[in-house]
Amino acid sequence: MIGLLLNSKECDEMKYLIKREMDEILFDLEDHRIDHVVKHAMEERYKVLFSLFKRFAPAKDCMKYMRGKFKNIHKG
């Protein structure tokens, strides 16, 4: 385990960077031209990013990025 201390501005920047990366992955997952093997790797990366995002973001923001059985409920 690795510890990390961030100030408020750095924390906001981390949230921003993680959100942008997750948005890009979500967009690419909708592309039918991408092979399913690549999409599987992207989904695994998304899980790691979401896990990290949950440590920085409030629950309301996390709900927007939930996938799986809650995907259709919280879209919007």
C-alpha atoms as a PDB file:
ATOM      1  CA  MET A   1       0.000   0.000   0.000  1.00  0.00           C
ATOM      2  CA  ILE A   2       1.187   3.482  -0.837  1.00  0.00           C
ATOM      3  CA  GLY A   3       0.138   6.639   0.985  1.00  0.00           C
ATOM      4  CA  LEU A   4      -0.359   9.961  -0.727  1.00  0.00           C
ATOM      5  CA  LEU A   5      -0.972  13.426   0.683  1.00  0.00           C
ATOM      6  CA  LEU A   6      -2.684  15.961  -1.542  1.00  0.00           C
ATOM      7  CA  ASN A   7      -3.867  19.478  -0.942  1.00  0.00           C
ATOM      8  CA  SER A   8      -7.352  20.578  -2.037  1.00  0.00           C
ATOM      9  CA  LYS A   9      -6.230  21.893  -5.412  1.00  0.00           C
ATOM     10  CA  GLU A  10      -4.314  18.691  -6.182  1.00  0.00           C
ATOM     11  CA  CYS A  11      -7.309  16.608  -5.142  1.00  0.00           C
ATOM     12  CA  ASP A  12      -9.552  18.556  -7.519  1.00  0.00           C
ATOM     13  CA  GLU A  13      -7.024  18.023 -10.303  1.00  0.00           C
ATOM     14  CA  MET A  14      -6.958  14.271  -9.635  1.00  0.00           C
ATOM     15  CA  LYS A  15     -10.762  14.137  -9.801  1.00  0.00           C
ATOM     16  CA  TYR A  16     -10.699  16.053 -13.065  1.00  0.00           C
ATOM     17  CA  LEU A  17      -8.059  13.810 -14.650  1.00  0.00           C
ATOM     18  CA  ILE A  18      -9.781  10.605 -13.583  1.00  0.00           C
ATOM     19  CA  LYS A  19     -13.182  11.841 -14.803  1.00  0.00           C
ATOM     20  CA  ARG A  20     -11.768  12.778 -18.210  1.00  0.00           C
ATOM     21  CA  GLU A  21     -10.146   9.367 -18.593  1.00  0.00           C
ATOM     22  CA  MET A  22     -13.320   7.556 -17.541  1.00  0.00           C
ATOM     23  CA  ASP A  23     -15.382   9.683 -19.959  1.00  0.00           C
ATOM     24  CA  GLU A  24     -13.023   8.748 -22.782  1.00  0.00           C
ATOM     25  CA  ILE A  25     -13.247   5.050 -21.945  1.00  0.00           C
ATOM     26  CA  LEU A  26     -17.057   5.198 -21.760  1.00  0.00           C
ATOM     27  CA  PHE A  27     -17.143   6.888 -25.159  1.00  0.00           C
ATOM     28  CA  ASP A  28     -14.811   4.289 -26.683  1.00  0.00           C
ATOM     29  CA  LEU A  29     -16.796   1.398 -25.215  1.00  0.00           C
ATOM     30  CA  GLU A  30     -19.760   2.496 -27.349  1.00  0.00           C
ATOM     31  CA  ASP A  31     -17.665   2.277 -30.544  1.00  0.00           C
ATOM     32  CA  HIS A  32     -18.657  -0.911 -32.370  1.00  0.00           C
ATOM     33  CA  ARG A  33     -15.424  -0.918 -34.385  1.00  0.00           C
ATOM     34  CA  ILE A  34     -13.313  -1.709 -31.320  1.00  0.00           C
ATOM     35  CA  ASP A  35     -12.581  -5.406 -30.771  1.00  0.00           C
ATOM     36  CA  HIS A  36     -14.175  -7.091 -27.748  1.00  0.00           C
ATOM     37  CA  VAL A  37     -10.750  -8.068 -26.361  1.00  0.00           C
ATOM     38  CA  VAL A  38      -9.703  -4.427 -26.344  1.00  0.00           C
ATOM     39  CA  LYS A  39     -13.022  -3.434 -24.783  1.00  0.00           C
ATOM     40  CA  HIS A  40     -12.480  -5.969 -22.017  1.00  0.00           C
ATOM     41  CA  ALA A  41      -9.102  -4.396 -21.228  1.00  0.00           C
ATOM     42  CA  MET A  42     -10.740  -0.958 -21.265  1.00  0.00           C
ATOM     43  CA  GLU A  43     -13.423  -2.165 -18.831  1.00  0.00           C
ATOM     44  CA  GLU A  44     -10.742  -3.456 -16.473  1.00  0.00           C
ATOM     45  CA  ARG A  45      -8.965  -0.107 -16.603  1.00  0.00           C
ATOM     46  CA  TYR A  46     -12.275   1.651 -15.974  1.00  0.00           C
ATOM     47  CA  LYS A  47     -12.783  -0.439 -12.828  1.00  0.00           C
ATOM     48  CA  VAL A  48      -9.386   0.621 -11.503  1.00  0.00           C
ATOM     49  CA  LEU A  49     -10.020   4.282 -12.313  1.00  0.00           C
ATOM     50  CA  PHE A  50     -13.483   4.198 -10.746  1.00  0.00           C
ATOM     51  CA  SER A  51     -12.060   2.618  -7.605  1.00  0.00           C
ATOM     52  CA  LEU A  52      -9.548   5.453  -7.389  1.00  0.00           C
ATOM     53  CA  PHE A  53     -12.205   8.055  -8.211  1.00  0.00           C
ATOM     54  CA  LYS A  54     -14.373   6.876  -5.300  1.00  0.00           C
ATOM     55  CA  ARG A  55     -11.578   7.924  -2.928  1.00  0.00           C
ATOM     56  CA  PHE A  56     -11.614  11.502  -4.191  1.00  0.00           C
ATOM     57  CA  ALA A  57     -15.172  12.257  -5.255  1.00  0.00           C
ATOM     58  CA  PRO A  58     -18.420  12.660  -3.328  1.00  0.00           C
ATOM     59  CA  ALA A  59     -21.063   9.954  -3.693  1.00  0.00           C
ATOM     60  CA  LYS A  60     -23.182  12.118  -6.004  1.00  0.00           C
ATOM     61  CA  ASP A  61     -20.355  12.337  -8.549  1.00  0.00           C
ATOM     62  CA  CYS A  62     -19.639   8.609  -8.239  1.00  0.00           C
ATOM     63  CA  MET A  63     -23.226   7.751  -9.119  1.00  0.00           C
ATOM     64  CA  LYS A  64     -22.749   9.327 -12.555  1.00  0.00           C
ATOM     65  CA  TYR A  65     -19.914   6.929 -13.341  1.00  0.00           C
ATOM     66  CA  MET A  66     -21.354   3.686 -11.978  1.00  0.00           C
ATOM     67  CA  ARG A  67     -21.530   0.835 -14.474  1.00  0.00           C
ATOM     68  CA  GLY A  68     -23.165  -2.551 -14.467  1.00  0.00           C
ATOM     69  CA  LYS A  69     -26.674  -3.121 -13.180  1.00  0.00           C
ATOM     70  CA  PHE A  70     -27.032   0.560 -12.196  1.00  0.00           C
ATOM     71  CA  LYS A  71     -25.871   1.848 -15.602  1.00  0.00           C
ATOM     72  CA  ASN A  72     -29.296   2.629 -17.059  1.00  0.00           C
ATOM     73  CA  ILE A  73     -30.767   4.000 -13.803  1.00  0.00           C
ATOM     74  CA  HIS A  74     -28.182   6.761 -13.333  1.00  0.00           C
ATOM     75  CA  LYS A  75     -27.565   7.773 -16.931  1.00  0.00           C
ATOM     76  CA  GLY A  76     -28.127  11.379 -17.698  1.00  0.00           C
END
